[in-house]
Full PDB file with SEQRES, HELIX, SHEET, SSBOND, CRYST1, ORIGX, SCALE, CONECT and MASTER records, all heavy atoms in Angstrom:
SEQRES   1 A   38  ARG PHE GLU GLU ARG GLU LYS ILE PRO HIS LYS ALA TYR          
SEQRES   2 A   38  LYS ILE THR ALA GLU ASP TRP ARG ASN ARG ALA LYS TRP          
SEQRES   3 A   38  ASN GLU TYR ARG THR ALA THR ALA GLU MET ILE GLU              
HELIX    1 AA1 PHE A    2  LYS A    7  1                                   6    
HELIX    2 AA2 PRO A    9  LYS A   14  5                                   6    
HELIX    3 AA3 ALA A   17  ARG A   23  1                                   7    
HELIX    4 AA4 TRP A   26  ILE A   37  1                                  12    
CRYST1    1.000    1.000    1.000  90.00  90.00  90.00 P 1           1          
ORIGX1      1.000000  0.000000  0.000000        0.00000                         
ORIGX2      0.000000  1.000000  0.000000        0.00000                         
ORIGX3      0.000000  0.000000  1.000000        0.00000                         
SCALE1      1.000000  0.000000  0.000000        0.00000                         
SCALE2      0.000000  1.000000  0.000000        0.00000                         
SCALE3      0.000000  0.000000  1.000000        0.00000                         
ATOM      1  N   ARG A   1      -2.156 -22.545  20.134  1.00  0.00           N  
ATOM      2  CA  ARG A   1      -1.313 -21.615  19.379  1.00  0.00           C  
ATOM      3  C   ARG A   1      -1.368 -21.910  17.883  1.00  0.00           C  
ATOM      4  O   ARG A   1      -1.339 -20.983  17.063  1.00  0.00           O  
ATOM      5  CB  ARG A   1       0.126 -21.676  19.900  1.00  0.00           C  
ATOM      6  CG  ARG A   1       0.259 -21.165  21.329  1.00  0.00           C  
ATOM      7  CD  ARG A   1       1.694 -21.181  21.819  1.00  0.00           C  
ATOM      8  NE  ARG A   1       1.776 -20.818  23.237  1.00  0.00           N  
ATOM      9  CZ  ARG A   1       2.902 -20.703  23.930  1.00  0.00           C  
ATOM     10  NH1 ARG A   1       4.072 -20.906  23.317  1.00  0.00           N  
ATOM     11  NH2 ARG A   1       2.881 -20.380  25.216  1.00  0.00           N  
ATOM     12  N   PHE A   2      -1.432 -23.182  17.520  1.00  0.00           N  
ATOM     13  CA  PHE A   2      -1.571 -23.536  16.106  1.00  0.00           C  
ATOM     14  C   PHE A   2      -2.844 -22.928  15.530  1.00  0.00           C  
ATOM     15  O   PHE A   2      -2.855 -22.328  14.452  1.00  0.00           O  
ATOM     16  CB  PHE A   2      -1.609 -25.052  15.941  1.00  0.00           C  
ATOM     17  CG  PHE A   2      -0.247 -25.709  15.884  1.00  0.00           C  
ATOM     18  CD1 PHE A   2       0.898 -25.039  16.259  1.00  0.00           C  
ATOM     19  CD2 PHE A   2      -0.120 -27.021  15.460  1.00  0.00           C  
ATOM     20  CE1 PHE A   2       2.144 -25.651  16.218  1.00  0.00           C  
ATOM     21  CE2 PHE A   2       1.113 -27.646  15.393  1.00  0.00           C  
ATOM     22  CZ  PHE A   2       2.247 -26.958  15.777  1.00  0.00           C  
ATOM     23  N   GLU A   3      -3.956 -23.110  16.231  1.00  0.00           N  
ATOM     24  CA  GLU A   3      -5.249 -22.603  15.748  1.00  0.00           C  
ATOM     25  C   GLU A   3      -5.252 -21.082  15.703  1.00  0.00           C  
ATOM     26  O   GLU A   3      -5.828 -20.472  14.786  1.00  0.00           O  
ATOM     27  CB  GLU A   3      -6.373 -23.124  16.640  1.00  0.00           C  
ATOM     28  CG  GLU A   3      -6.568 -24.633  16.522  1.00  0.00           C  
ATOM     29  CD  GLU A   3      -7.642 -25.159  17.455  1.00  0.00           C  
ATOM     30  OE1 GLU A   3      -7.834 -24.568  18.544  1.00  0.00           O  
ATOM     31  OE2 GLU A   3      -8.279 -26.155  17.100  1.00  0.00           O  
ATOM     32  N   GLU A   4      -4.600 -20.450  16.677  1.00  0.00           N  
ATOM     33  CA  GLU A   4      -4.505 -18.983  16.672  1.00  0.00           C  
ATOM     34  C   GLU A   4      -3.740 -18.497  15.450  1.00  0.00           C  
ATOM     35  O   GLU A   4      -4.124 -17.514  14.810  1.00  0.00           O  
ATOM     36  CB  GLU A   4      -3.811 -18.513  17.950  1.00  0.00           C  
ATOM     37  CG  GLU A   4      -3.651 -17.007  18.047  1.00  0.00           C  
ATOM     38  CD  GLU A   4      -2.847 -16.600  19.260  1.00  0.00           C  
ATOM     39  OE1 GLU A   4      -1.629 -16.918  19.301  1.00  0.00           O  
ATOM     40  OE2 GLU A   4      -3.417 -15.982  20.175  1.00  0.00           O  
ATOM     41  N   ARG A   5      -2.661 -19.211  15.108  1.00  0.00           N  
ATOM     42  CA  ARG A   5      -1.864 -18.816  13.951  1.00  0.00           C  
ATOM     43  C   ARG A   5      -2.678 -18.909  12.656  1.00  0.00           C  
ATOM     44  O   ARG A   5      -2.508 -18.088  11.759  1.00  0.00           O  
ATOM     45  CB  ARG A   5      -0.611 -19.693  13.846  1.00  0.00           C  
ATOM     46  CG  ARG A   5       0.430 -19.375  14.907  1.00  0.00           C  
ATOM     47  CD  ARG A   5       1.655 -20.257  14.787  1.00  0.00           C  
ATOM     48  NE  ARG A   5       2.698 -19.831  15.720  1.00  0.00           N  
ATOM     49  CZ  ARG A   5       3.906 -20.370  15.800  1.00  0.00           C  
ATOM     50  NH1 ARG A   5       4.229 -21.381  14.996  1.00  0.00           N  
ATOM     51  NH2 ARG A   5       4.795 -19.922  16.667  1.00  0.00           N  
ATOM     52  N   GLU A   6      -3.519 -19.894  12.559  1.00  0.00           N  
ATOM     53  CA  GLU A   6      -4.329 -20.045  11.356  1.00  0.00           C  
ATOM     54  C   GLU A   6      -5.348 -18.915  11.213  1.00  0.00           C  
ATOM     55  O   GLU A   6      -5.715 -18.536  10.103  1.00  0.00           O  
ATOM     56  CB  GLU A   6      -5.050 -21.389  11.364  1.00  0.00           C  
ATOM     57  CG  GLU A   6      -4.129 -22.577  11.112  1.00  0.00           C  
ATOM     58  CD  GLU A   6      -4.896 -23.863  10.876  1.00  0.00           C  
ATOM     59  OE1 GLU A   6      -5.975 -24.028  11.474  1.00  0.00           O  
ATOM     60  OE2 GLU A   6      -4.410 -24.696  10.109  1.00  0.00           O  
ATOM     61  N   LYS A   7      -5.794 -18.357  12.336  1.00  0.00           N  
ATOM     62  CA  LYS A   7      -6.849 -17.355  12.310  1.00  0.00           C  
ATOM     63  C   LYS A   7      -6.328 -15.941  12.096  1.00  0.00           C  
ATOM     64  O   LYS A   7      -7.075 -15.067  11.642  1.00  0.00           O  
ATOM     65  CB  LYS A   7      -7.642 -17.410  13.621  1.00  0.00           C  
ATOM     66  CG  LYS A   7      -8.415 -18.707  13.830  1.00  0.00           C  
ATOM     67  CD  LYS A   7      -9.052 -18.733  15.214  1.00  0.00           C  
ATOM     68  CE  LYS A   7      -9.775 -20.046  15.478  1.00  0.00           C  
ATOM     69  NZ  LYS A   7     -10.324 -20.120  16.851  1.00  0.00           N  
ATOM     70  N   ILE A   8      -5.063 -15.684  12.461  1.00  0.00           N  
ATOM     71  CA  ILE A   8      -4.519 -14.330  12.405  1.00  0.00           C  
ATOM     72  C   ILE A   8      -3.690 -14.172  11.132  1.00  0.00           C  
ATOM     73  O   ILE A   8      -2.697 -14.879  10.946  1.00  0.00           O  
ATOM     74  CB  ILE A   8      -3.661 -14.035  13.650  1.00  0.00           C  
ATOM     75  CG1 ILE A   8      -4.514 -14.177  14.917  1.00  0.00           C  
ATOM     76  CG2 ILE A   8      -3.040 -12.645  13.565  1.00  0.00           C  
ATOM     77  CD1 ILE A   8      -3.742 -13.999  16.204  1.00  0.00           C  
ATOM     78  N   PRO A   9      -4.082 -13.248  10.237  1.00  0.00           N  
ATOM     79  CA  PRO A   9      -3.406 -13.126   8.934  1.00  0.00           C  
ATOM     80  C   PRO A   9      -1.889 -12.996   9.017  1.00  0.00           C  
ATOM     81  O   PRO A   9      -1.168 -13.662   8.291  1.00  0.00           O  
ATOM     82  CB  PRO A   9      -4.051 -11.886   8.327  1.00  0.00           C  
ATOM     83  CG  PRO A   9      -5.421 -11.843   8.932  1.00  0.00           C  
ATOM     84  CD  PRO A   9      -5.253 -12.339  10.338  1.00  0.00           C  
ATOM     85  N   HIS A  10      -1.392 -12.130   9.923  1.00  0.00           N  
ATOM     86  CA  HIS A  10       0.049 -11.906   9.933  1.00  0.00           C  
ATOM     87  C   HIS A  10       0.827 -13.014  10.636  1.00  0.00           C  
ATOM     88  O   HIS A  10       2.054 -12.977  10.692  1.00  0.00           O  
ATOM     89  CB  HIS A  10       0.384 -10.543  10.560  1.00  0.00           C  
ATOM     90  CG  HIS A  10       0.087 -10.450  12.026  1.00  0.00           C  
ATOM     91  ND1 HIS A  10      -1.122  -9.996  12.512  1.00  0.00           N  
ATOM     92  CD2 HIS A  10       0.827 -10.759  13.121  1.00  0.00           C  
ATOM     93  CE1 HIS A  10      -1.107 -10.016  13.826  1.00  0.00           C  
ATOM     94  NE2 HIS A  10       0.057 -10.474  14.226  1.00  0.00           N  
ATOM     95  N   LYS A  11       0.121 -14.009  11.174  1.00  0.00           N  
ATOM     96  CA  LYS A  11       0.795 -15.163  11.769  1.00  0.00           C  
ATOM     97  C   LYS A  11       0.605 -16.438  10.954  1.00  0.00           C  
ATOM     98  O   LYS A  11       1.196 -17.471  11.268  1.00  0.00           O  
ATOM     99  CB  LYS A  11       0.269 -15.404  13.200  1.00  0.00           C  
ATOM    100  CG  LYS A  11       0.682 -14.354  14.211  1.00  0.00           C  
ATOM    101  CD  LYS A  11       0.256 -14.758  15.612  1.00  0.00           C  
ATOM    102  CE  LYS A  11       0.736 -13.756  16.659  1.00  0.00           C  
ATOM    103  NZ  LYS A  11       0.370 -14.189  18.037  1.00  0.00           N  
ATOM    104  N   ALA A  12      -0.224 -16.361   9.910  1.00  0.00           N  
ATOM    105  CA  ALA A  12      -0.577 -17.574   9.166  1.00  0.00           C  
ATOM    106  C   ALA A  12       0.622 -18.253   8.525  1.00  0.00           C  
ATOM    107  O   ALA A  12       0.645 -19.476   8.368  1.00  0.00           O  
ATOM    108  CB  ALA A  12      -1.626 -17.243   8.103  1.00  0.00           C  
ATOM    109  N   TYR A  13       1.645 -17.457   8.166  1.00  0.00           N  
ATOM    110  CA  TYR A  13       2.805 -18.050   7.513  1.00  0.00           C  
ATOM    111  C   TYR A  13       3.568 -18.993   8.447  1.00  0.00           C  
ATOM    112  O   TYR A  13       4.349 -19.842   8.001  1.00  0.00           O  
ATOM    113  CB  TYR A  13       3.754 -16.955   7.017  1.00  0.00           C  
ATOM    114  CG  TYR A  13       4.577 -16.305   8.110  1.00  0.00           C  
ATOM    115  CD1 TYR A  13       5.864 -16.740   8.390  1.00  0.00           C  
ATOM    116  CD2 TYR A  13       4.060 -15.255   8.872  1.00  0.00           C  
ATOM    117  CE1 TYR A  13       6.617 -16.160   9.389  1.00  0.00           C  
ATOM    118  CE2 TYR A  13       4.794 -14.670   9.876  1.00  0.00           C  
ATOM    119  CZ  TYR A  13       6.087 -15.122  10.127  1.00  0.00           C  
ATOM    120  OH  TYR A  13       6.815 -14.543  11.125  1.00  0.00           O  
ATOM    121  N   LYS A  14       3.358 -18.840   9.764  1.00  0.00           N  
ATOM    122  CA  LYS A  14       4.096 -19.649  10.726  1.00  0.00           C  
ATOM    123  C   LYS A  14       3.594 -21.087  10.829  1.00  0.00           C  
ATOM    124  O   LYS A  14       4.277 -21.936  11.390  1.00  0.00           O  
ATOM    125  CB  LYS A  14       4.006 -19.011  12.123  1.00  0.00           C  
ATOM    126  CG  LYS A  14       4.704 -17.672  12.257  1.00  0.00           C  
ATOM    127  CD  LYS A  14       4.614 -17.188  13.700  1.00  0.00           C  
ATOM    128  CE  LYS A  14       5.352 -15.884  13.910  1.00  0.00           C  
ATOM    129  NZ  LYS A  14       5.306 -15.454  15.326  1.00  0.00           N  
ATOM    130  N   ILE A  15       2.391 -21.355  10.323  1.00  0.00           N  
ATOM    131  CA  ILE A  15       1.811 -22.686  10.475  1.00  0.00           C  
ATOM    132  C   ILE A  15       1.767 -23.386   9.119  1.00  0.00           C  
ATOM    133  O   ILE A  15       1.275 -22.823   8.143  1.00  0.00           O  
ATOM    134  CB  ILE A  15       0.406 -22.614  11.118  1.00  0.00           C  
ATOM    135  CG1 ILE A  15      -0.162 -24.010  11.365  1.00  0.00           C  
ATOM    136  CG2 ILE A  15      -0.544 -21.763  10.312  1.00  0.00           C  
ATOM    137  CD1 ILE A  15       0.478 -24.733  12.504  1.00  0.00           C  
ATOM    138  N   THR A  16       2.308 -24.588   9.051  1.00  0.00           N  
ATOM    139  CA  THR A  16       2.369 -25.338   7.806  1.00  0.00           C  
ATOM    140  C   THR A  16       1.884 -26.759   8.039  1.00  0.00           C  
ATOM    141  O   THR A  16       1.686 -27.191   9.186  1.00  0.00           O  
ATOM    142  CB  THR A  16       3.806 -25.394   7.262  1.00  0.00           C  
ATOM    143  OG1 THR A  16       4.619 -26.177   8.181  1.00  0.00           O  
ATOM    144  CG2 THR A  16       4.406 -23.997   7.122  1.00  0.00           C  
ATOM    145  N   ALA A  17       1.706 -27.466   6.943  1.00  0.00           N  
ATOM    146  CA  ALA A  17       1.316 -28.874   7.052  1.00  0.00           C  
ATOM    147  C   ALA A  17       2.366 -29.667   7.818  1.00  0.00           C  
ATOM    148  O   ALA A  17       2.049 -30.645   8.516  1.00  0.00           O  
ATOM    149  CB  ALA A  17       1.115 -29.459   5.662  1.00  0.00           C  
ATOM    150  N   GLU A  18       3.634 -29.243   7.708  1.00  0.00           N  
ATOM    151  CA  GLU A  18       4.713 -29.923   8.423  1.00  0.00           C  
ATOM    152  C   GLU A  18       4.525 -29.834   9.930  1.00  0.00           C  
ATOM    153  O   GLU A  18       4.800 -30.783  10.669  1.00  0.00           O  
ATOM    154  CB  GLU A  18       6.059 -29.298   8.031  1.00  0.00           C  
ATOM    155  CG  GLU A  18       7.275 -29.986   8.608  1.00  0.00           C  
ATOM    156  CD  GLU A  18       7.614 -31.292   7.910  1.00  0.00           C  
ATOM    157  OE1 GLU A  18       6.980 -31.612   6.893  1.00  0.00           O  
ATOM    158  OE2 GLU A  18       8.507 -31.998   8.401  1.00  0.00           O  
ATOM    159  N   ASP A  19       4.029 -28.685  10.407  1.00  0.00           N  
ATOM    160  CA  ASP A  19       3.788 -28.522  11.847  1.00  0.00           C  
ATOM    161  C   ASP A  19       2.735 -29.505  12.341  1.00  0.00           C  
ATOM    162  O   ASP A  19       2.882 -30.119  13.411  1.00  0.00           O  
ATOM    163  CB  ASP A  19       3.350 -27.089  12.142  1.00  0.00           C  
ATOM    164  CG  ASP A  19       4.432 -26.072  11.837  1.00  0.00           C  
ATOM    165  OD1 ASP A  19       5.596 -26.341  12.167  1.00  0.00           O  
ATOM    166  OD2 ASP A  19       4.113 -25.028  11.250  1.00  0.00           O  
ATOM    167  N   TRP A  20       1.664 -29.650  11.573  1.00  0.00           N  
ATOM    168  CA  TRP A  20       0.615 -30.591  11.973  1.00  0.00           C  
ATOM    169  C   TRP A  20       1.134 -32.029  11.922  1.00  0.00           C  
ATOM    170  O   TRP A  20       0.785 -32.864  12.784  1.00  0.00           O  
ATOM    171  CB  TRP A  20      -0.605 -30.440  11.064  1.00  0.00           C  
ATOM    172  CG  TRP A  20      -1.384 -29.187  11.316  1.00  0.00           C  
ATOM    173  CD1 TRP A  20      -1.468 -28.091  10.510  1.00  0.00           C  
ATOM    174  CD2 TRP A  20      -2.170 -28.884  12.477  1.00  0.00           C  
ATOM    175  NE1 TRP A  20      -2.271 -27.136  11.076  1.00  0.00           N  
ATOM    176  CE2 TRP A  20      -2.719 -27.593  12.294  1.00  0.00           C  
ATOM    177  CE3 TRP A  20      -2.470 -29.569  13.653  1.00  0.00           C  
ATOM    178  CZ2 TRP A  20      -3.545 -26.982  13.223  1.00  0.00           C  
ATOM    179  CZ3 TRP A  20      -3.297 -28.967  14.595  1.00  0.00           C  
ATOM    180  CH2 TRP A  20      -3.820 -27.688  14.380  1.00  0.00           C  
ATOM    181  N   ARG A  21       1.972 -32.322  10.949  1.00  0.00           N  
ATOM    182  CA  ARG A  21       2.511 -33.667  10.838  1.00  0.00           C  
ATOM    183  C   ARG A  21       3.430 -33.981  12.028  1.00  0.00           C  
ATOM    184  O   ARG A  21       3.405 -35.079  12.580  1.00  0.00           O  
ATOM    185  CB  ARG A  21       3.290 -33.809   9.526  1.00  0.00           C  
ATOM    186  CG  ARG A  21       3.595 -35.248   9.130  1.00  0.00           C  
ATOM    187  CD  ARG A  21       4.310 -35.292   7.791  1.00  0.00           C  
ATOM    188  NE  ARG A  21       5.619 -34.679   7.883  1.00  0.00           N  
ATOM    189  CZ  ARG A  21       6.709 -35.293   8.384  1.00  0.00           C  
ATOM    190  NH1 ARG A  21       6.619 -36.523   8.833  1.00  0.00           N  
ATOM    191  NH2 ARG A  21       7.851 -34.671   8.443  1.00  0.00           N  
ATOM    192  N   ASN A  22       4.247 -32.998  12.417  1.00  0.00           N  
ATOM    193  CA  ASN A  22       5.115 -33.190  13.577  1.00  0.00           C  
ATOM    194  C   ASN A  22       4.302 -33.364  14.851  1.00  0.00           C  
ATOM    195  O   ASN A  22       4.667 -34.149  15.730  1.00  0.00           O  
ATOM    196  CB  ASN A  22       6.061 -31.997  13.727  1.00  0.00           C  
ATOM    197  CG  ASN A  22       7.107 -31.945  12.639  1.00  0.00           C  
ATOM    198  OD1 ASN A  22       7.368 -32.938  11.960  1.00  0.00           O  
ATOM    199  ND2 ASN A  22       7.712 -30.780  12.450  1.00  0.00           N  
ATOM    200  N   ARG A  23       3.190 -32.635  14.946  1.00  0.00           N  
ATOM    201  CA  ARG A  23       2.351 -32.745  16.144  1.00  0.00           C  
ATOM    202  C   ARG A  23       1.787 -34.158  16.291  1.00  0.00           C  
ATOM    203  O   ARG A  23       1.640 -34.667  17.401  1.00  0.00           O  
ATOM    204  CB  ARG A  23       1.214 -31.714  16.068  1.00  0.00           C  
ATOM    205  CG  ARG A  23       0.236 -31.825  17.226  1.00  0.00           C  
ATOM    206  CD  ARG A  23      -0.815 -30.719  17.194  1.00  0.00           C  
ATOM    207  NE  ARG A  23      -1.929 -31.069  18.047  1.00  0.00           N  
ATOM    208  CZ  ARG A  23      -1.939 -30.973  19.374  1.00  0.00           C  
ATOM    209  NH1 ARG A  23      -0.874 -30.519  20.001  1.00  0.00           N  
ATOM    210  NH2 ARG A  23      -2.997 -31.315  20.076  1.00  0.00           N  
ATOM    211  N   ALA A  24       1.487 -34.792  15.154  1.00  0.00           N  
ATOM    212  CA  ALA A  24       0.962 -36.156  15.209  1.00  0.00           C  
ATOM    213  C   ALA A  24       1.985 -37.128  15.780  1.00  0.00           C  
ATOM    214  O   ALA A  24       1.621 -38.225  16.232  1.00  0.00           O  
ATOM    215  CB  ALA A  24       0.539 -36.599  13.811  1.00  0.00           C  
ATOM    216  N   LYS A  25       3.271 -36.718  15.796  1.00  0.00           N  
ATOM    217  CA  LYS A  25       4.331 -37.568  16.338  1.00  0.00           C  
ATOM    218  C   LYS A  25       4.817 -37.047  17.697  1.00  0.00           C  
ATOM    219  O   LYS A  25       5.979 -37.247  18.068  1.00  0.00           O  
ATOM    220  CB  LYS A  25       5.493 -37.639  15.349  1.00  0.00           C  
ATOM    221  CG  LYS A  25       5.135 -38.309  14.026  1.00  0.00           C  
ATOM    222  CD  LYS A  25       6.363 -38.463  13.133  1.00  0.00           C  
ATOM    223  CE  LYS A  25       6.004 -39.186  11.848  1.00  0.00           C  
ATOM    224  NZ  LYS A  25       7.202 -39.393  10.985  1.00  0.00           N  
ATOM    225  N   TRP A  26       3.914 -36.393  18.408  1.00  0.00           N  
ATOM    226  CA  TRP A  26       4.275 -35.773  19.691  1.00  0.00           C  
ATOM    227  C   TRP A  26       4.985 -36.755  20.606  1.00  0.00           C  
ATOM    228  O   TRP A  26       6.018 -36.436  21.203  1.00  0.00           O  
ATOM    229  CB  TRP A  26       3.028 -35.224  20.369  1.00  0.00           C  
ATOM    230  CG  TRP A  26       3.277 -34.611  21.710  1.00  0.00           C  
ATOM    231  CD1 TRP A  26       3.433 -35.254  22.900  1.00  0.00           C  
ATOM    232  CD2 TRP A  26       3.414 -33.219  22.007  1.00  0.00           C  
ATOM    233  NE1 TRP A  26       3.646 -34.358  23.920  1.00  0.00           N  
ATOM    234  CE2 TRP A  26       3.633 -33.095  23.394  1.00  0.00           C  
ATOM    235  CE3 TRP A  26       3.343 -32.056  21.234  1.00  0.00           C  
ATOM    236  CZ2 TRP A  26       3.797 -31.873  24.023  1.00  0.00           C  
ATOM    237  CZ3 TRP A  26       3.508 -30.823  21.870  1.00  0.00           C  
ATOM    238  CH2 TRP A  26       3.731 -30.748  23.241  1.00  0.00           C  
ATOM    239  N   ASN A  27       4.460 -37.949  20.764  1.00  0.00           N  
ATOM    240  CA  ASN A  27       5.046 -38.902  21.716  1.00  0.00           C  
ATOM    241  C   ASN A  27       6.440 -39.358  21.306  1.00  0.00           C  
ATOM    242  O   ASN A  27       7.318 -39.544  22.150  1.00  0.00           O  
ATOM    243  CB  ASN A  27       4.126 -40.104  21.893  1.00  0.00           C  
ATOM    244  CG  ASN A  27       2.949 -39.781  22.791  1.00  0.00           C  
ATOM    245  OD1 ASN A  27       3.078 -39.020  23.744  1.00  0.00           O  
ATOM    246  ND2 ASN A  27       1.789 -40.327  22.474  1.00  0.00           N  
ATOM    247  N   GLU A  28       6.649 -39.542  19.990  1.00  0.00           N  
ATOM    248  CA  GLU A  28       7.994 -39.916  19.544  1.00  0.00           C  
ATOM    249  C   GLU A  28       8.993 -38.797  19.850  1.00  0.00           C  
ATOM    250  O   GLU A  28      10.106 -39.056  20.323  1.00  0.00           O  
ATOM    251  CB  GLU A  28       7.991 -40.210  18.043  1.00  0.00           C  
ATOM    252  CG  GLU A  28       7.228 -41.468  17.655  1.00  0.00           C  
ATOM    253  CD  GLU A  28       5.812 -41.190  17.220  1.00  0.00           C  
ATOM    254  OE1 GLU A  28       5.156 -40.303  17.832  1.00  0.00           O  
ATOM    255  OE2 GLU A  28       5.365 -41.835  16.258  1.00  0.00           O  
ATOM    256  N   TYR A  29       8.576 -37.547  19.604  1.00  0.00           N  
ATOM    257  CA  TYR A  29       9.466 -36.421  19.895  1.00  0.00           C  
ATOM    258  C   TYR A  29       9.653 -36.247  21.406  1.00  0.00           C  
ATOM    259  O   TYR A  29      10.747 -35.881  21.863  1.00  0.00           O  
ATOM    260  CB  TYR A  29       8.904 -35.129  19.279  1.00  0.00           C  
ATOM    261  CG  TYR A  29       9.260 -34.975  17.821  1.00  0.00           C  
ATOM    262  CD1 TYR A  29       8.328 -35.218  16.805  1.00  0.00           C  
ATOM    263  CD2 TYR A  29      10.539 -34.574  17.438  1.00  0.00           C  
ATOM    264  CE1 TYR A  29       8.661 -35.078  15.463  1.00  0.00           C  
ATOM    265  CE2 TYR A  29      10.882 -34.426  16.099  1.00  0.00           C  
ATOM    266  CZ  TYR A  29       9.941 -34.684  15.119  1.00  0.00           C  
ATOM    267  OH  TYR A  29      10.279 -34.550  13.790  1.00  0.00           O  
ATOM    268  N   ARG A  30       8.618 -36.515  22.156  1.00  0.00           N  
ATOM    269  CA  ARG A  30       8.697 -36.399  23.619  1.00  0.00           C  
ATOM    270  C   ARG A  30       9.718 -37.392  24.176  1.00  0.00           C  
ATOM    271  O   ARG A  30      10.553 -37.037  25.014  1.00  0.00           O  
ATOM    272  CB  ARG A  30       7.307 -36.655  24.188  1.00  0.00           C  
ATOM    273  CG  ARG A  30       7.164 -36.591  25.690  1.00  0.00           C  
ATOM    274  CD  ARG A  30       5.678 -36.561  26.012  1.00  0.00           C  
ATOM    275  NE  ARG A  30       5.390 -36.922  27.378  1.00  0.00           N  
ATOM    276  CZ  ARG A  30       5.145 -38.166  27.794  1.00  0.00           C  
ATOM    277  NH1 ARG A  30       5.171 -39.168  26.929  1.00  0.00           N  
ATOM    278  NH2 ARG A  30       4.870 -38.420  29.055  1.00  0.00           N  
ATOM    279  N   THR A  31       9.668 -38.614  23.692  1.00  0.00           N  
ATOM    280  CA  THR A  31      10.625 -39.630  24.128  1.00  0.00           C  
ATOM    281  C   THR A  31      12.041 -39.256  23.718  1.00  0.00           C  
ATOM    282  O   THR A  31      12.988 -39.344  24.509  1.00  0.00           O  
ATOM    283  CB  THR A  31      10.260 -40.997  23.530  1.00  0.00           C  
ATOM    284  OG1 THR A  31       8.962 -41.373  23.996  1.00  0.00           O  
ATOM    285  CG2 THR A  31      11.266 -42.057  23.941  1.00  0.00           C  
ATOM    286  N   ALA A  32      12.198 -38.813  22.467  1.00  0.00           N  
ATOM    287  CA  ALA A  32      13.517 -38.430  21.964  1.00  0.00           C  
ATOM    288  C   ALA A  32      14.079 -37.244  22.748  1.00  0.00           C  
ATOM    289  O   ALA A  32      15.284 -37.199  23.056  1.00  0.00           O  
ATOM    290  CB  ALA A  32      13.434 -38.095  20.482  1.00  0.00           C  
ATOM    291  N   THR A  33      13.222 -36.277  23.082  1.00  0.00           N  
ATOM    292  CA  THR A  33      13.669 -35.103  23.828  1.00  0.00           C  
ATOM    293  C   THR A  33      14.151 -35.476  25.215  1.00  0.00           C  
ATOM    294  O   THR A  33      15.209 -35.007  25.675  1.00  0.00           O  
ATOM    295  CB  THR A  33      12.521 -34.077  23.933  1.00  0.00           C  
ATOM    296  OG1 THR A  33      12.137 -33.660  22.623  1.00  0.00           O  
ATOM    297  CG2 THR A  33      12.943 -32.880  24.748  1.00  0.00           C  
ATOM    298  N   ALA A  34      13.378 -36.308  25.906  1.00  0.00           N  
ATOM    299  CA  ALA A  34      13.756 -36.722  27.258  1.00  0.00           C  
ATOM    300  C   ALA A  34      15.104 -37.448  27.248  1.00  0.00           C  
ATOM    301  O   ALA A  34      15.973 -37.186  28.092  1.00  0.00           O  
ATOM    302  CB  ALA A  34      12.669 -37.610  27.851  1.00  0.00           C  
ATOM    303  N   GLU A  35      15.283 -38.349  26.291  1.00  0.00           N  
ATOM    304  CA  GLU A  35      16.555 -39.071  26.199  1.00  0.00           C  
ATOM    305  C   GLU A  35      17.698 -38.122  25.859  1.00  0.00           C  
ATOM    306  O   GLU A  35      18.810 -38.249  26.388  1.00  0.00           O  
ATOM    307  CB  GLU A  35      16.454 -40.173  25.148  1.00  0.00           C  
ATOM    308  CG  GLU A  35      15.531 -41.322  25.562  1.00  0.00           C  
ATOM    309  CD  GLU A  35      15.511 -42.435  24.536  1.00  0.00           C  
ATOM    310  OE1 GLU A  35      16.350 -42.416  23.611  1.00  0.00           O  
ATOM    311  OE2 GLU A  35      14.666 -43.338  24.662  1.00  0.00           O  
ATOM    312  N   MET A  36      17.422 -37.164  24.980  1.00  0.00           N  
ATOM    313  CA  MET A  36      18.434 -36.183  24.596  1.00  0.00           C  
ATOM    314  C   MET A  36      18.914 -35.389  25.809  1.00  0.00           C  
ATOM    315  O   MET A  36      20.128 -35.231  26.034  1.00  0.00           O  
ATOM    316  CB  MET A  36      17.855 -35.230  23.560  1.00  0.00           C  
ATOM    317  CG  MET A  36      18.738 -34.048  23.199  1.00  0.00           C  
ATOM    318  SD  MET A  36      17.821 -32.771  22.291  1.00  0.00           S  
ATOM    319  CE  MET A  36      16.915 -31.981  23.652  1.00  0.00           C  
ATOM    320  N   ILE A  37      17.978 -34.875  26.601  1.00  0.00           N  
ATOM    321  CA  ILE A  37      18.338 -34.065  27.764  1.00  0.00           C  
ATOM    322  C   ILE A  37      19.117 -34.895  28.776  1.00  0.00           C  
ATOM    323  O   ILE A  37      20.132 -34.449  29.330  1.00  0.00           O  
ATOM    324  CB  ILE A  37      17.072 -33.458  28.402  1.00  0.00           C  
ATOM    325  CG1 ILE A  37      16.452 -32.429  27.437  1.00  0.00           C  
ATOM    326  CG2 ILE A  37      17.392 -32.802  29.737  1.00  0.00           C  
ATOM    327  CD1 ILE A  37      15.113 -31.892  27.878  1.00  0.00           C  
ATOM    328  N   GLU A  38      18.679 -36.118  29.010  1.00  0.00           N  
ATOM    329  CA  GLU A  38      19.365 -36.977  29.967  1.00  0.00           C  
ATOM    330  C   GLU A  38      20.781 -37.324  29.518  1.00  0.00           C  
ATOM    331  O   GLU A  38      21.701 -37.411  30.333  1.00  0.00           O  
ATOM    332  CB  GLU A  38      18.556 -38.266  30.177  1.00  0.00           C  
ATOM    333  CG  GLU A  38      17.248 -38.044  30.929  1.00  0.00           C  
ATOM    334  CD  GLU A  38      16.381 -39.282  30.976  1.00  0.00           C  
ATOM    335  OE1 GLU A  38      16.678 -40.243  30.219  1.00  0.00           O  
ATOM    336  OE2 GLU A  38      15.422 -39.311  31.765  1.00  0.00           O  
TER     337      GLU A  38                                                      
MASTER        0    0    0    4    0    0    0    6  336    1    0    3          
END                                                                             
């Protein structure tokens, strides 16, 4: 979905450097999410 957003003009605004940076921390967010739900 990230790559699709970069390719489609009217969706390009949805993808930022912040999104890629957050993706690099997927596991930290995954752990935090699981603990949050529990």
